[in-house]
Amino acid sequence: MTQTDKNKLTPDEKKLLKAEIKKSWAEFPEEMKRFLIDVKKEKLKALYMIEGWAKDNGHETILNLIARKIAHKEAKIKELESDQSSG
């Protein structure tokens, strides 16, 4: 077992962490919220790059799956931005 394996969260721990962060989001400082949203937008750019590559190289499975992932990420970013502006 490597060091990274020892510290890896279980699926249940990941769900718990996500839920706790969501529950605490309103308490986060505005600067931290903006930074986290910006990071999500950068990850979204990476997904668009993969999508473009998949289109250009005929990888239909990647294309189909990543399109759904992009839609989910876009919706999540909008939700966070909405929560930020109303918080």
C-alpha atoms as a PDB file:
ATOM      1  CA  MET A   1       0.000   0.000   0.000  1.00  0.00           C
ATOM      2  CA  THR A   2       1.432   3.369  -1.021  1.00  0.00           C
ATOM      3  CA  GLN A   3       1.235   6.552   1.035  1.00  0.00           C
ATOM      4  CA  THR A   4      -1.420   7.938  -1.284  1.00  0.00           C
ATOM      5  CA  ASP A   5      -3.535   4.798  -0.847  1.00  0.00           C
ATOM      6  CA  LYS A   6      -3.412   5.162   2.938  1.00  0.00           C
ATOM      7  CA  ASN A   7      -4.835   8.678   2.789  1.00  0.00           C
ATOM      8  CA  LYS A   8      -7.412   8.048   0.077  1.00  0.00           C
ATOM      9  CA  LEU A   9     -10.986   8.688   1.131  1.00  0.00           C
ATOM     10  CA  THR A  10     -13.525   5.909   0.796  1.00  0.00           C
ATOM     11  CA  PRO A  11     -16.576   6.598  -1.416  1.00  0.00           C
ATOM     12  CA  ASP A  12     -18.663   7.166   1.734  1.00  0.00           C
ATOM     13  CA  GLU A  13     -16.084   9.592   3.123  1.00  0.00           C
ATOM     14  CA  LYS A  14     -16.076  11.490  -0.180  1.00  0.00           C
ATOM     15  CA  LYS A  15     -19.867  11.794  -0.032  1.00  0.00           C
ATOM     16  CA  LEU A  16     -19.676  12.975   3.582  1.00  0.00           C
ATOM     17  CA  LEU A  17     -17.002  15.561   2.786  1.00  0.00           C
ATOM     18  CA  LYS A  18     -18.996  16.857  -0.182  1.00  0.00           C
ATOM     19  CA  ALA A  19     -22.138  17.122   1.942  1.00  0.00           C
ATOM     20  CA  GLU A  20     -20.288  18.921   4.752  1.00  0.00           C
ATOM     21  CA  ILE A  21     -18.732  21.420   2.340  1.00  0.00           C
ATOM     22  CA  LYS A  22     -22.111  22.064   0.713  1.00  0.00           C
ATOM     23  CA  LYS A  23     -23.687  22.550   4.139  1.00  0.00           C
ATOM     24  CA  SER A  24     -20.932  25.009   5.149  1.00  0.00           C
ATOM     25  CA  TRP A  25     -20.710  26.881   1.808  1.00  0.00           C
ATOM     26  CA  ALA A  26     -22.584  29.960   3.086  1.00  0.00           C
ATOM     27  CA  GLU A  27     -20.012  30.331   5.866  1.00  0.00           C
ATOM     28  CA  PHE A  28     -17.005  30.368   3.526  1.00  0.00           C
ATOM     29  CA  PRO A  29     -15.345  33.773   2.987  1.00  0.00           C
ATOM     30  CA  GLU A  30     -16.280  35.365  -0.351  1.00  0.00           C
ATOM     31  CA  GLU A  31     -12.674  35.258  -1.566  1.00  0.00           C
ATOM     32  CA  MET A  32     -12.502  31.520  -0.931  1.00  0.00           C
ATOM     33  CA  LYS A  33     -15.820  30.949  -2.722  1.00  0.00           C
ATOM     34  CA  ARG A  34     -14.592  32.919  -5.759  1.00  0.00           C
ATOM     35  CA  PHE A  35     -11.360  30.930  -5.817  1.00  0.00           C
ATOM     36  CA  LEU A  36     -13.174  27.581  -5.623  1.00  0.00           C
ATOM     37  CA  ILE A  37     -15.551  28.597  -8.416  1.00  0.00           C
ATOM     38  CA  ASP A  38     -12.582  29.712 -10.544  1.00  0.00           C
ATOM     39  CA  VAL A  39     -10.897  26.324  -9.987  1.00  0.00           C
ATOM     40  CA  LYS A  40     -14.073  24.563 -11.131  1.00  0.00           C
ATOM     41  CA  LYS A  41     -14.118  26.754 -14.252  1.00  0.00           C
ATOM     42  CA  GLU A  42     -10.506  25.777 -15.010  1.00  0.00           C
ATOM     43  CA  LYS A  43     -11.409  22.097 -14.651  1.00  0.00           C
ATOM     44  CA  LEU A  44     -14.308  22.724 -17.036  1.00  0.00           C
ATOM     45  CA  LYS A  45     -11.848  24.155 -19.585  1.00  0.00           C
ATOM     46  CA  ALA A  46      -9.862  20.924 -19.352  1.00  0.00           C
ATOM     47  CA  LEU A  47     -13.024  18.932 -20.052  1.00  0.00           C
ATOM     48  CA  TYR A  48     -13.691  21.070 -23.136  1.00  0.00           C
ATOM     49  CA  MET A  49     -10.148  20.337 -24.324  1.00  0.00           C
ATOM     50  CA  ILE A  50     -10.716  16.593 -23.908  1.00  0.00           C
ATOM     51  CA  GLU A  51     -14.062  16.913 -25.688  1.00  0.00           C
ATOM     52  CA  GLY A  52     -12.403  18.652 -28.634  1.00  0.00           C
ATOM     53  CA  TRP A  53      -9.691  16.030 -28.817  1.00  0.00           C
ATOM     54  CA  ALA A  54     -12.272  13.227 -28.692  1.00  0.00           C
ATOM     55  CA  LYS A  55     -14.255  14.850 -31.539  1.00  0.00           C
ATOM     56  CA  ASP A  56     -11.136  15.236 -33.659  1.00  0.00           C
ATOM     57  CA  ASN A  57      -9.951  11.693 -33.027  1.00  0.00           C
ATOM     58  CA  GLY A  58     -13.188   9.699 -33.269  1.00  0.00           C
ATOM     59  CA  HIS A  59     -13.527   8.658 -29.612  1.00  0.00           C
ATOM     60  CA  GLU A  60     -17.311   8.426 -29.383  1.00  0.00           C
ATOM     61  CA  THR A  61     -17.463   6.883 -25.909  1.00  0.00           C
ATOM     62  CA  ILE A  62     -15.338   9.668 -24.420  1.00  0.00           C
ATOM     63  CA  LEU A  63     -17.372  12.232 -26.332  1.00  0.00           C
ATOM     64  CA  ASN A  64     -20.709  10.906 -25.097  1.00  0.00           C
ATOM     65  CA  LEU A  65     -19.610  10.646 -21.481  1.00  0.00           C
ATOM     66  CA  ILE A  66     -17.730  13.922 -21.310  1.00  0.00           C
ATOM     67  CA  ALA A  67     -20.675  15.838 -22.776  1.00  0.00           C
ATOM     68  CA  ARG A  68     -22.764  14.730 -19.787  1.00  0.00           C
ATOM     69  CA  LYS A  69     -19.950  15.557 -17.374  1.00  0.00           C
ATOM     70  CA  ILE A  70     -19.599  19.032 -18.906  1.00  0.00           C
ATOM     71  CA  ALA A  71     -23.338  19.675 -18.576  1.00  0.00           C
ATOM     72  CA  HIS A  72     -23.222  18.594 -14.929  1.00  0.00           C
ATOM     73  CA  LYS A  73     -20.177  20.793 -14.184  1.00  0.00           C
ATOM     74  CA  GLU A  74     -21.762  23.812 -15.896  1.00  0.00           C
ATOM     75  CA  ALA A  75     -24.931  23.398 -13.842  1.00  0.00           C
ATOM     76  CA  LYS A  76     -22.925  22.987 -10.637  1.00  0.00           C
ATOM     77  CA  ILE A  77     -20.925  26.155 -11.324  1.00  0.00           C
ATOM     78  CA  LYS A  78     -24.146  28.108 -11.964  1.00  0.00           C
ATOM     79  CA  GLU A  79     -25.574  26.778  -8.700  1.00  0.00           C
ATOM     80  CA  LEU A  80     -22.461  27.806  -6.753  1.00  0.00           C
ATOM     81  CA  GLU A  81     -22.416  31.244  -8.356  1.00  0.00           C
ATOM     82  CA  SER A  82     -26.093  31.673  -7.509  1.00  0.00           C
ATOM     83  CA  ASP A  83     -25.482  30.615  -3.906  1.00  0.00           C
ATOM     84  CA  GLN A  84     -22.517  32.988  -3.737  1.00  0.00           C
ATOM     85  CA  SER A  85     -24.479  36.000  -4.935  1.00  0.00           C
ATOM     86  CA  SER A  86     -27.461  35.250  -2.682  1.00  0.00           C
ATOM     87  CA  GLY A  87     -25.308  34.444   0.336  1.00  0.00           C
END
